[in-house]
Amino acid sequence: SSYFMGWFRQAPGKEREFVAAISRSGS
């Protein structure tokens, strides 16, 4: 619960890109 959590994605030949993130409490 002390960490922000995020999702990233990377397709072949492309930069890693941000998808979504959520705060510590989920709010």
mmCIF file of all heavy atoms, coordinates in Angstrom:
data_MODEL
# 
_entry.id   MODEL 
# 
loop_
_atom_site.group_PDB 
_atom_site.id 
_atom_site.type_symbol 
_atom_site.label_atom_id 
_atom_site.label_alt_id 
_atom_site.label_comp_id 
_atom_site.label_asym_id 
_atom_site.label_entity_id 
_atom_site.label_seq_id 
_atom_site.pdbx_PDB_ins_code 
_atom_site.Cartn_x 
_atom_site.Cartn_y 
_atom_site.Cartn_z 
_atom_site.occupancy 
_atom_site.B_iso_or_equiv 
_atom_site.pdbx_formal_charge 
_atom_site.auth_seq_id 
_atom_site.auth_comp_id 
_atom_site.auth_asym_id 
_atom_site.auth_atom_id 
_atom_site.pdbx_PDB_model_num 
ATOM 1   N N   . SER A 1 1  ? 0.800  -1.215 0.000   1.00 0.00 ? 1  SER A N   1 
ATOM 2   C CA  . SER A 1 1  ? 0.000  0.000  0.000   1.00 0.00 ? 1  SER A CA  1 
ATOM 3   C C   . SER A 1 1  ? 0.840  1.276  0.000   1.00 0.00 ? 1  SER A C   1 
ATOM 4   O O   . SER A 1 1  ? 0.296  2.370  -0.166  1.00 0.00 ? 1  SER A O   1 
ATOM 5   C CB  . SER A 1 1  ? -0.955 0.017  1.193   1.00 0.00 ? 1  SER A CB  1 
ATOM 6   O OG  . SER A 1 1  ? -0.241 0.005  2.416   1.00 0.00 ? 1  SER A OG  1 
ATOM 7   N N   . SER A 1 2  ? 2.149  1.161  0.168   1.00 0.00 ? 2  SER A N   1 
ATOM 8   C CA  . SER A 1 2  ? 3.043  2.315  0.138   1.00 0.00 ? 2  SER A CA  1 
ATOM 9   C C   . SER A 1 2  ? 3.441  2.712  -1.284  1.00 0.00 ? 2  SER A C   1 
ATOM 10  O O   . SER A 1 2  ? 4.071  3.746  -1.473  1.00 0.00 ? 2  SER A O   1 
ATOM 11  C CB  . SER A 1 2  ? 4.319  2.036  0.942   1.00 0.00 ? 2  SER A CB  1 
ATOM 12  O OG  . SER A 1 2  ? 4.017  1.803  2.304   1.00 0.00 ? 2  SER A OG  1 
ATOM 13  N N   . TYR A 1 3  ? 3.080  1.905  -2.263  1.00 0.00 ? 3  TYR A N   1 
ATOM 14  C CA  . TYR A 1 3  ? 3.527  2.106  -3.635  1.00 0.00 ? 3  TYR A CA  1 
ATOM 15  C C   . TYR A 1 3  ? 2.400  2.522  -4.571  1.00 0.00 ? 3  TYR A C   1 
ATOM 16  O O   . TYR A 1 3  ? 1.295  1.973  -4.519  1.00 0.00 ? 3  TYR A O   1 
ATOM 17  C CB  . TYR A 1 3  ? 4.166  0.828  -4.182  1.00 0.00 ? 3  TYR A CB  1 
ATOM 18  C CG  . TYR A 1 3  ? 5.456  0.450  -3.505  1.00 0.00 ? 3  TYR A CG  1 
ATOM 19  C CD1 . TYR A 1 3  ? 5.451  -0.327 -2.353  1.00 0.00 ? 3  TYR A CD1 1 
ATOM 20  C CD2 . TYR A 1 3  ? 6.673  0.870  -4.028  1.00 0.00 ? 3  TYR A CD2 1 
ATOM 21  C CE1 . TYR A 1 3  ? 6.643  -0.662 -1.726  1.00 0.00 ? 3  TYR A CE1 1 
ATOM 22  C CE2 . TYR A 1 3  ? 7.864  0.533  -3.405  1.00 0.00 ? 3  TYR A CE2 1 
ATOM 23  C CZ  . TYR A 1 3  ? 7.837  -0.234 -2.253  1.00 0.00 ? 3  TYR A CZ  1 
ATOM 24  O OH  . TYR A 1 3  ? 9.024  -0.568 -1.641  1.00 0.00 ? 3  TYR A OH  1 
ATOM 25  N N   . PHE A 1 4  ? 2.718  3.490  -5.434  1.00 0.00 ? 4  PHE A N   1 
ATOM 26  C CA  . PHE A 1 4  ? 1.903  3.697  -6.618  1.00 0.00 ? 4  PHE A CA  1 
ATOM 27  C C   . PHE A 1 4  ? 2.153  2.506  -7.538  1.00 0.00 ? 4  PHE A C   1 
ATOM 28  O O   . PHE A 1 4  ? 3.271  1.997  -7.623  1.00 0.00 ? 4  PHE A O   1 
ATOM 29  C CB  . PHE A 1 4  ? 2.297  4.983  -7.338  1.00 0.00 ? 4  PHE A CB  1 
ATOM 30  C CG  . PHE A 1 4  ? 1.879  6.239  -6.627  1.00 0.00 ? 4  PHE A CG  1 
ATOM 31  C CD1 . PHE A 1 4  ? 2.633  6.763  -5.594  1.00 0.00 ? 4  PHE A CD1 1 
ATOM 32  C CD2 . PHE A 1 4  ? 0.729  6.905  -7.009  1.00 0.00 ? 4  PHE A CD2 1 
ATOM 33  C CE1 . PHE A 1 4  ? 2.254  7.919  -4.946  1.00 0.00 ? 4  PHE A CE1 1 
ATOM 34  C CE2 . PHE A 1 4  ? 0.339  8.076  -6.369  1.00 0.00 ? 4  PHE A CE2 1 
ATOM 35  C CZ  . PHE A 1 4  ? 1.100  8.580  -5.335  1.00 0.00 ? 4  PHE A CZ  1 
ATOM 36  N N   . MET A 1 5  ? 1.129  2.071  -8.235  1.00 0.00 ? 5  MET A N   1 
ATOM 37  C CA  . MET A 1 5  ? 1.264  0.951  -9.153  1.00 0.00 ? 5  MET A CA  1 
ATOM 38  C C   . MET A 1 5  ? 0.867  1.386  -10.560 1.00 0.00 ? 5  MET A C   1 
ATOM 39  O O   . MET A 1 5  ? -0.089 2.138  -10.740 1.00 0.00 ? 5  MET A O   1 
ATOM 40  C CB  . MET A 1 5  ? 0.392  -0.219 -8.713  1.00 0.00 ? 5  MET A CB  1 
ATOM 41  C CG  . MET A 1 5  ? 0.763  -0.799 -7.354  1.00 0.00 ? 5  MET A CG  1 
ATOM 42  S SD  . MET A 1 5  ? 2.443  -1.513 -7.325  1.00 0.00 ? 5  MET A SD  1 
ATOM 43  C CE  . MET A 1 5  ? 2.268  -2.843 -8.524  1.00 0.00 ? 5  MET A CE  1 
ATOM 44  N N   . GLY A 1 6  ? 1.614  0.887  -11.526 1.00 0.00 ? 6  GLY A N   1 
ATOM 45  C CA  . GLY A 1 6  ? 1.340  1.256  -12.902 1.00 0.00 ? 6  GLY A CA  1 
ATOM 46  C C   . GLY A 1 6  ? 1.428  0.079  -13.852 1.00 0.00 ? 6  GLY A C   1 
ATOM 47  O O   . GLY A 1 6  ? 2.006  -0.965 -13.527 1.00 0.00 ? 6  GLY A O   1 
ATOM 48  N N   . TRP A 1 7  ? 0.828  0.257  -15.013 1.00 0.00 ? 7  TRP A N   1 
ATOM 49  C CA  . TRP A 1 7  ? 0.933  -0.697 -16.114 1.00 0.00 ? 7  TRP A CA  1 
ATOM 50  C C   . TRP A 1 7  ? 1.552  0.007  -17.316 1.00 0.00 ? 7  TRP A C   1 
ATOM 51  O O   . TRP A 1 7  ? 1.152  1.125  -17.667 1.00 0.00 ? 7  TRP A O   1 
ATOM 52  C CB  . TRP A 1 7  ? -0.431 -1.260 -16.508 1.00 0.00 ? 7  TRP A CB  1 
ATOM 53  C CG  . TRP A 1 7  ? -1.001 -2.242 -15.538 1.00 0.00 ? 7  TRP A CG  1 
ATOM 54  C CD1 . TRP A 1 7  ? -1.891 -1.993 -14.541 1.00 0.00 ? 7  TRP A CD1 1 
ATOM 55  C CD2 . TRP A 1 7  ? -0.727 -3.650 -15.490 1.00 0.00 ? 7  TRP A CD2 1 
ATOM 56  N NE1 . TRP A 1 7  ? -2.191 -3.149 -13.873 1.00 0.00 ? 7  TRP A NE1 1 
ATOM 57  C CE2 . TRP A 1 7  ? -1.495 -4.180 -14.427 1.00 0.00 ? 7  TRP A CE2 1 
ATOM 58  C CE3 . TRP A 1 7  ? 0.083  -4.503 -16.228 1.00 0.00 ? 7  TRP A CE3 1 
ATOM 59  C CZ2 . TRP A 1 7  ? -1.469 -5.535 -14.093 1.00 0.00 ? 7  TRP A CZ2 1 
ATOM 60  C CZ3 . TRP A 1 7  ? 0.110  -5.849 -15.895 1.00 0.00 ? 7  TRP A CZ3 1 
ATOM 61  C CH2 . TRP A 1 7  ? -0.658 -6.352 -14.843 1.00 0.00 ? 7  TRP A CH2 1 
ATOM 62  N N   . PHE A 1 8  ? 2.518  -0.658 -17.925 1.00 0.00 ? 8  PHE A N   1 
ATOM 63  C CA  . PHE A 1 8  ? 3.166  -0.187 -19.140 1.00 0.00 ? 8  PHE A CA  1 
ATOM 64  C C   . PHE A 1 8  ? 3.126  -1.303 -20.170 1.00 0.00 ? 8  PHE A C   1 
ATOM 65  O O   . PHE A 1 8  ? 2.974  -2.474 -19.826 1.00 0.00 ? 8  PHE A O   1 
ATOM 66  C CB  . PHE A 1 8  ? 4.618  0.222  -18.870 1.00 0.00 ? 8  PHE A CB  1 
ATOM 67  C CG  . PHE A 1 8  ? 4.768  1.426  -17.983 1.00 0.00 ? 8  PHE A CG  1 
ATOM 68  C CD1 . PHE A 1 8  ? 4.613  1.313  -16.608 1.00 0.00 ? 8  PHE A CD1 1 
ATOM 69  C CD2 . PHE A 1 8  ? 5.061  2.668  -18.520 1.00 0.00 ? 8  PHE A CD2 1 
ATOM 70  C CE1 . PHE A 1 8  ? 4.750  2.420  -15.783 1.00 0.00 ? 8  PHE A CE1 1 
ATOM 71  C CE2 . PHE A 1 8  ? 5.202  3.780  -17.708 1.00 0.00 ? 8  PHE A CE2 1 
ATOM 72  C CZ  . PHE A 1 8  ? 5.046  3.655  -16.337 1.00 0.00 ? 8  PHE A CZ  1 
ATOM 73  N N   . ARG A 1 9  ? 3.281  -0.948 -21.427 1.00 0.00 ? 9  ARG A N   1 
ATOM 74  C CA  . ARG A 1 9  ? 3.317  -1.973 -22.469 1.00 0.00 ? 9  ARG A CA  1 
ATOM 75  C C   . ARG A 1 9  ? 4.394  -1.642 -23.484 1.00 0.00 ? 9  ARG A C   1 
ATOM 76  O O   . ARG A 1 9  ? 4.760  -0.487 -23.686 1.00 0.00 ? 9  ARG A O   1 
ATOM 77  C CB  . ARG A 1 9  ? 1.959  -2.112 -23.159 1.00 0.00 ? 9  ARG A CB  1 
ATOM 78  C CG  . ARG A 1 9  ? 1.514  -0.900 -23.963 1.00 0.00 ? 9  ARG A CG  1 
ATOM 79  C CD  . ARG A 1 9  ? 0.078  -1.080 -24.428 1.00 0.00 ? 9  ARG A CD  1 
ATOM 80  N NE  . ARG A 1 9  ? -0.368 0.029  -25.256 1.00 0.00 ? 9  ARG A NE  1 
ATOM 81  C CZ  . ARG A 1 9  ? -1.612 0.195  -25.676 1.00 0.00 ? 9  ARG A CZ  1 
ATOM 82  N NH1 . ARG A 1 9  ? -2.552 -0.696 -25.351 1.00 0.00 ? 9  ARG A NH1 1 
ATOM 83  N NH2 . ARG A 1 9  ? -1.934 1.240  -26.430 1.00 0.00 ? 9  ARG A NH2 1 
ATOM 84  N N   . GLN A 1 10 ? 4.889  -2.691 -24.130 1.00 0.00 ? 10 GLN A N   1 
ATOM 85  C CA  . GLN A 1 10 ? 5.926  -2.522 -25.132 1.00 0.00 ? 10 GLN A CA  1 
ATOM 86  C C   . GLN A 1 10 ? 5.711  -3.517 -26.266 1.00 0.00 ? 10 GLN A C   1 
ATOM 87  O O   . GLN A 1 10 ? 5.687  -4.722 -26.042 1.00 0.00 ? 10 GLN A O   1 
ATOM 88  C CB  . GLN A 1 10 ? 7.315  -2.713 -24.529 1.00 0.00 ? 10 GLN A CB  1 
ATOM 89  C CG  . GLN A 1 10 ? 8.446  -2.364 -25.475 1.00 0.00 ? 10 GLN A CG  1 
ATOM 90  C CD  . GLN A 1 10 ? 9.780  -2.245 -24.761 1.00 0.00 ? 10 GLN A CD  1 
ATOM 91  O OE1 . GLN A 1 10 ? 9.995  -2.857 -23.722 1.00 0.00 ? 10 GLN A OE1 1 
ATOM 92  N NE2 . GLN A 1 10 ? 10.667 -1.446 -25.324 1.00 0.00 ? 10 GLN A NE2 1 
ATOM 93  N N   . ALA A 1 11 ? 5.546  -2.983 -27.462 1.00 0.00 ? 11 ALA A N   1 
ATOM 94  C CA  . ALA A 1 11 ? 5.432  -3.791 -28.658 1.00 0.00 ? 11 ALA A CA  1 
ATOM 95  C C   . ALA A 1 11 ? 6.793  -3.867 -29.332 1.00 0.00 ? 11 ALA A C   1 
ATOM 96  O O   . ALA A 1 11 ? 7.637  -2.981 -29.144 1.00 0.00 ? 11 ALA A O   1 
ATOM 97  C CB  . ALA A 1 11 ? 4.399  -3.189 -29.606 1.00 0.00 ? 11 ALA A CB  1 
ATOM 98  N N   . PRO A 1 12 ? 7.045  -4.910 -30.134 1.00 0.00 ? 12 PRO A N   1 
ATOM 99  C CA  . PRO A 1 12 ? 8.340  -5.033 -30.818 1.00 0.00 ? 12 PRO A CA  1 
ATOM 100 C C   . PRO A 1 12 ? 8.676  -3.793 -31.638 1.00 0.00 ? 12 PRO A C   1 
ATOM 101 O O   . PRO A 1 12 ? 7.851  -3.301 -32.411 1.00 0.00 ? 12 PRO A O   1 
ATOM 102 C CB  . PRO A 1 12 ? 8.143  -6.254 -31.720 1.00 0.00 ? 12 PRO A CB  1 
ATOM 103 C CG  . PRO A 1 12 ? 7.114  -7.069 -31.012 1.00 0.00 ? 12 PRO A CG  1 
ATOM 104 C CD  . PRO A 1 12 ? 6.174  -6.057 -30.408 1.00 0.00 ? 12 PRO A CD  1 
ATOM 105 N N   . GLY A 1 13 ? 9.887  -3.281 -31.450 1.00 0.00 ? 13 GLY A N   1 
ATOM 106 C CA  . GLY A 1 13 ? 10.338 -2.121 -32.193 1.00 0.00 ? 13 GLY A CA  1 
ATOM 107 C C   . GLY A 1 13 ? 9.803  -0.796 -31.701 1.00 0.00 ? 13 GLY A C   1 
ATOM 108 O O   . GLY A 1 13 ? 10.072 0.237  -32.320 1.00 0.00 ? 13 GLY A O   1 
ATOM 109 N N   . LYS A 1 14 ? 9.064  -0.797 -30.599 1.00 0.00 ? 14 LYS A N   1 
ATOM 110 C CA  . LYS A 1 14 ? 8.494  0.433  -30.082 1.00 0.00 ? 14 LYS A CA  1 
ATOM 111 C C   . LYS A 1 14 ? 8.989  0.720  -28.669 1.00 0.00 ? 14 LYS A C   1 
ATOM 112 O O   . LYS A 1 14 ? 9.463  -0.168 -27.971 1.00 0.00 ? 14 LYS A O   1 
ATOM 113 C CB  . LYS A 1 14 ? 6.966  0.366  -30.087 1.00 0.00 ? 14 LYS A CB  1 
ATOM 114 C CG  . LYS A 1 14 ? 6.340  0.304  -31.469 1.00 0.00 ? 14 LYS A CG  1 
ATOM 115 C CD  . LYS A 1 14 ? 4.832  0.365  -31.391 1.00 0.00 ? 14 LYS A CD  1 
ATOM 116 C CE  . LYS A 1 14 ? 4.203  0.380  -32.767 1.00 0.00 ? 14 LYS A CE  1 
ATOM 117 N NZ  . LYS A 1 14 ? 2.721  0.467  -32.692 1.00 0.00 ? 14 LYS A NZ  1 
ATOM 118 N N   . GLU A 1 15 ? 8.866  1.977  -28.273 1.00 0.00 ? 15 GLU A N   1 
ATOM 119 C CA  . GLU A 1 15 ? 9.231  2.379  -26.922 1.00 0.00 ? 15 GLU A CA  1 
ATOM 120 C C   . GLU A 1 15 ? 8.210  1.853  -25.923 1.00 0.00 ? 15 GLU A C   1 
ATOM 121 O O   . GLU A 1 15 ? 7.043  1.649  -26.248 1.00 0.00 ? 15 GLU A O   1 
ATOM 122 C CB  . GLU A 1 15 ? 9.299  3.901  -26.826 1.00 0.00 ? 15 GLU A CB  1 
ATOM 123 C CG  . GLU A 1 15 ? 10.346 4.560  -27.696 1.00 0.00 ? 15 GLU A CG  1 
ATOM 124 C CD  . GLU A 1 15 ? 11.735 4.427  -27.124 1.00 0.00 ? 15 GLU A CD  1 
ATOM 125 O OE1 . GLU A 1 15 ? 11.865 4.279  -25.889 1.00 0.00 ? 15 GLU A OE1 1 
ATOM 126 O OE2 . GLU A 1 15 ? 12.695 4.461  -27.899 1.00 0.00 ? 15 GLU A OE2 1 
ATOM 127 N N   . ARG A 1 16 ? 8.676  1.635  -24.711 1.00 0.00 ? 16 ARG A N   1 
ATOM 128 C CA  . ARG A 1 16 ? 7.755  1.277  -23.642 1.00 0.00 ? 16 ARG A CA  1 
ATOM 129 C C   . ARG A 1 16 ? 6.855  2.475  -23.349 1.00 0.00 ? 16 ARG A C   1 
ATOM 130 O O   . ARG A 1 16 ? 7.324  3.604  -23.184 1.00 0.00 ? 16 ARG A O   1 
ATOM 131 C CB  . ARG A 1 16 ? 8.538  0.875  -22.392 1.00 0.00 ? 16 ARG A CB  1 
ATOM 132 C CG  . ARG A 1 16 ? 7.668  0.438  -21.231 1.00 0.00 ? 16 ARG A CG  1 
ATOM 133 C CD  . ARG A 1 16 ? 8.498  -0.220 -20.141 1.00 0.00 ? 16 ARG A CD  1 
ATOM 134 N NE  . ARG A 1 16 ? 9.121  -1.447 -20.612 1.00 0.00 ? 16 ARG A NE  1 
ATOM 135 C CZ  . ARG A 1 16 ? 9.821  -2.274 -19.847 1.00 0.00 ? 16 ARG A CZ  1 
ATOM 136 N NH1 . ARG A 1 16 ? 9.984  -1.999 -18.562 1.00 0.00 ? 16 ARG A NH1 1 
ATOM 137 N NH2 . ARG A 1 16 ? 10.365 -3.366 -20.363 1.00 0.00 ? 16 ARG A NH2 1 
ATOM 138 N N   . GLU A 1 17 ? 5.553  2.239  -23.291 1.00 0.00 ? 17 GLU A N   1 
ATOM 139 C CA  . GLU A 1 17 ? 4.623  3.334  -23.110 1.00 0.00 ? 17 GLU A CA  1 
ATOM 140 C C   . GLU A 1 17 ? 3.722  3.130  -21.900 1.00 0.00 ? 17 GLU A C   1 
ATOM 141 O O   . GLU A 1 17 ? 3.368  2.008  -21.536 1.00 0.00 ? 17 GLU A O   1 
ATOM 142 C CB  . GLU A 1 17 ? 3.767  3.540  -24.368 1.00 0.00 ? 17 GLU A CB  1 
ATOM 143 C CG  . GLU A 1 17 ? 2.822  2.407  -24.693 1.00 0.00 ? 17 GLU A CG  1 
ATOM 144 C CD  . GLU A 1 17 ? 1.889  2.724  -25.851 1.00 0.00 ? 17 GLU A CD  1 
ATOM 145 O OE1 . GLU A 1 17 ? 1.807  3.904  -26.257 1.00 0.00 ? 17 GLU A OE1 1 
ATOM 146 O OE2 . GLU A 1 17 ? 1.232  1.789  -26.354 1.00 0.00 ? 17 GLU A OE2 1 
ATOM 147 N N   . PHE A 1 18 ? 3.355  4.242  -21.309 1.00 0.00 ? 18 PHE A N   1 
ATOM 148 C CA  . PHE A 1 18 ? 2.471  4.253  -20.164 1.00 0.00 ? 18 PHE A CA  1 
ATOM 149 C C   . PHE A 1 18 ? 1.070  3.835  -20.563 1.00 0.00 ? 18 PHE A C   1 
ATOM 150 O O   . PHE A 1 18 ? 0.561  4.237  -21.607 1.00 0.00 ? 18 PHE A O   1 
ATOM 151 C CB  . PHE A 1 18 ? 2.450  5.666  -19.570 1.00 0.00 ? 18 PHE A CB  1 
ATOM 152 C CG  . PHE A 1 18 ? 1.406  5.880  -18.518 1.00 0.00 ? 18 PHE A CG  1 
ATOM 153 C CD1 . PHE A 1 18 ? 1.574  5.386  -17.237 1.00 0.00 ? 18 PHE A CD1 1 
ATOM 154 C CD2 . PHE A 1 18 ? 0.252  6.592  -18.804 1.00 0.00 ? 18 PHE A CD2 1 
ATOM 155 C CE1 . PHE A 1 18 ? 0.614  5.591  -16.263 1.00 0.00 ? 18 PHE A CE1 1 
ATOM 156 C CE2 . PHE A 1 18 ? -0.708 6.806  -17.836 1.00 0.00 ? 18 PHE A CE2 1 
ATOM 157 C CZ  . PHE A 1 18 ? -0.526 6.303  -16.567 1.00 0.00 ? 18 PHE A CZ  1 
ATOM 158 N N   . VAL A 1 19 ? 0.430  3.034  -19.720 1.00 0.00 ? 19 VAL A N   1 
ATOM 159 C CA  . VAL A 1 19 ? -0.938 2.598  -19.958 1.00 0.00 ? 19 VAL A CA  1 
ATOM 160 C C   . VAL A 1 19 ? -1.882 3.139  -18.893 1.00 0.00 ? 19 VAL A C   1 
ATOM 161 O O   . VAL A 1 19 ? -2.866 3.809  -19.198 1.00 0.00 ? 19 VAL A O   1 
ATOM 162 C CB  . VAL A 1 19 ? -1.047 1.065  -20.010 1.00 0.00 ? 19 VAL A CB  1 
ATOM 163 C CG1 . VAL A 1 19 ? -2.500 0.633  -20.165 1.00 0.00 ? 19 VAL A CG1 1 
ATOM 164 C CG2 . VAL A 1 19 ? -0.198 0.514  -21.149 1.00 0.00 ? 19 VAL A CG2 1 
ATOM 165 N N   . ALA A 1 20 ? -1.573 2.852  -17.634 1.00 0.00 ? 20 ALA A N   1 
ATOM 166 C CA  . ALA A 1 20 ? -2.442 3.263  -16.541 1.00 0.00 ? 20 ALA A CA  1 
ATOM 167 C C   . ALA A 1 20 ? -1.681 3.208  -15.227 1.00 0.00 ? 20 ALA A C   1 
ATOM 168 O O   . ALA A 1 20 ? -0.692 2.491  -15.098 1.00 0.00 ? 20 ALA A O   1 
ATOM 169 C CB  . ALA A 1 20 ? -3.682 2.369  -16.458 1.00 0.00 ? 20 ALA A CB  1 
ATOM 170 N N   . ALA A 1 21 ? -2.153 3.962  -14.239 1.00 0.00 ? 21 ALA A N   1 
ATOM 171 C CA  . ALA A 1 21 ? -1.545 3.940  -12.917 1.00 0.00 ? 21 ALA A CA  1 
ATOM 172 C C   . ALA A 1 21 ? -2.601 4.249  -11.872 1.00 0.00 ? 21 ALA A C   1 
ATOM 173 O O   . ALA A 1 21 ? -3.647 4.826  -12.174 1.00 0.00 ? 21 ALA A O   1 
ATOM 174 C CB  . ALA A 1 21 ? -0.389 4.938  -12.824 1.00 0.00 ? 21 ALA A CB  1 
ATOM 175 N N   . ILE A 1 22 ? -2.288 3.880  -10.626 1.00 0.00 ? 22 ILE A N   1 
ATOM 176 C CA  . ILE A 1 22 ? -3.234 4.046  -9.541  1.00 0.00 ? 22 ILE A CA  1 
ATOM 177 C C   . ILE A 1 22 ? -2.504 4.472  -8.279  1.00 0.00 ? 22 ILE A C   1 
ATOM 178 O O   . ILE A 1 22 ? -1.370 4.055  -8.028  1.00 0.00 ? 22 ILE A O   1 
ATOM 179 C CB  . ILE A 1 22 ? -4.035 2.735  -9.323  1.00 0.00 ? 22 ILE A CB  1 
ATOM 180 C CG1 . ILE A 1 22 ? -5.195 2.943  -8.355  1.00 0.00 ? 22 ILE A CG1 1 
ATOM 181 C CG2 . ILE A 1 22 ? -3.107 1.604  -8.859  1.00 0.00 ? 22 ILE A CG2 1 
ATOM 182 C CD1 . ILE A 1 22 ? -6.185 1.778  -8.371  1.00 0.00 ? 22 ILE A CD1 1 
ATOM 183 N N   . SER A 1 23 ? -3.145 5.309  -7.489  1.00 0.00 ? 23 SER A N   1 
ATOM 184 C CA  . SER A 1 23 ? -2.546 5.820  -6.269  1.00 0.00 ? 23 SER A CA  1 
ATOM 185 C C   . SER A 1 23 ? -2.481 4.745  -5.193  1.00 0.00 ? 23 SER A C   1 
ATOM 186 O O   . SER A 1 23 ? -3.015 3.650  -5.343  1.00 0.00 ? 23 SER A O   1 
ATOM 187 C CB  . SER A 1 23 ? -3.332 7.026  -5.758  1.00 0.00 ? 23 SER A CB  1 
ATOM 188 O OG  . SER A 1 23 ? -4.659 6.660  -5.414  1.00 0.00 ? 23 SER A OG  1 
ATOM 189 N N   . ARG A 1 24 ? -1.819 5.081  -4.100  1.00 0.00 ? 24 ARG A N   1 
ATOM 190 C CA  . ARG A 1 24 ? -1.595 4.106  -3.037  1.00 0.00 ? 24 ARG A CA  1 
ATOM 191 C C   . ARG A 1 24 ? -2.877 3.546  -2.434  1.00 0.00 ? 24 ARG A C   1 
ATOM 192 O O   . ARG A 1 24 ? -2.984 2.342  -2.181  1.00 0.00 ? 24 ARG A O   1 
ATOM 193 C CB  . ARG A 1 24 ? -0.718 4.729  -1.948  1.00 0.00 ? 24 ARG A CB  1 
ATOM 194 C CG  . ARG A 1 24 ? 0.740  4.920  -2.370  1.00 0.00 ? 24 ARG A CG  1 
ATOM 195 C CD  . ARG A 1 24 ? 1.484  5.853  -1.445  1.00 0.00 ? 24 ARG A CD  1 
ATOM 196 N NE  . ARG A 1 24 ? 1.033  7.229  -1.579  1.00 0.00 ? 24 ARG A NE  1 
ATOM 197 C CZ  . ARG A 1 24 ? 1.806  8.285  -1.407  1.00 0.00 ? 24 ARG A CZ  1 
ATOM 198 N NH1 . ARG A 1 24 ? 3.098  8.125  -1.081  1.00 0.00 ? 24 ARG A NH1 1 
ATOM 199 N NH2 . ARG A 1 24 ? 1.304  9.502  -1.535  1.00 0.00 ? 24 ARG A NH2 1 
ATOM 200 N N   . SER A 1 25 ? -3.846 4.405  -2.234  1.00 0.00 ? 25 SER A N   1 
ATOM 201 C CA  . SER A 1 25 ? -5.115 3.980  -1.660  1.00 0.00 ? 25 SER A CA  1 
ATOM 202 C C   . SER A 1 25 ? -6.097 3.467  -2.710  1.00 0.00 ? 25 SER A C   1 
ATOM 203 O O   . SER A 1 25 ? -7.109 2.854  -2.359  1.00 0.00 ? 25 SER A O   1 
ATOM 204 C CB  . SER A 1 25 ? -5.758 5.131  -0.902  1.00 0.00 ? 25 SER A CB  1 
ATOM 205 O OG  . SER A 1 25 ? -6.148 6.164  -1.784  1.00 0.00 ? 25 SER A OG  1 
ATOM 206 N N   . GLY A 1 26 ? -5.802 3.728  -3.969  1.00 0.00 ? 26 GLY A N   1 
ATOM 207 C CA  . GLY A 1 26 ? -6.712 3.371  -5.035  1.00 0.00 ? 26 GLY A CA  1 
ATOM 208 C C   . GLY A 1 26 ? -7.750 4.430  -5.339  1.00 0.00 ? 26 GLY A C   1 
ATOM 209 O O   . GLY A 1 26 ? -8.636 4.207  -6.167  1.00 0.00 ? 26 GLY A O   1 
ATOM 210 N N   . SER A 1 27 ? -7.640 5.585  -4.695  1.00 0.00 ? 27 SER A N   1 
ATOM 211 C CA  . SER A 1 27 ? -8.637 6.624  -4.864  1.00 0.00 ? 27 SER A CA  1 
ATOM 212 C C   . SER A 1 27 ? -8.475 7.425  -6.149  1.00 0.00 ? 27 SER A C   1 
ATOM 213 O O   . SER A 1 27 ? -9.428 8.064  -6.601  1.00 0.00 ? 27 SER A O   1 
ATOM 214 C CB  . SER A 1 27 ? -8.617 7.572  -3.667  1.00 0.00 ? 27 SER A CB  1 
ATOM 215 O OG  . SER A 1 27 ? -7.358 8.210  -3.538  1.00 0.00 ? 27 SER A OG  1 
# 
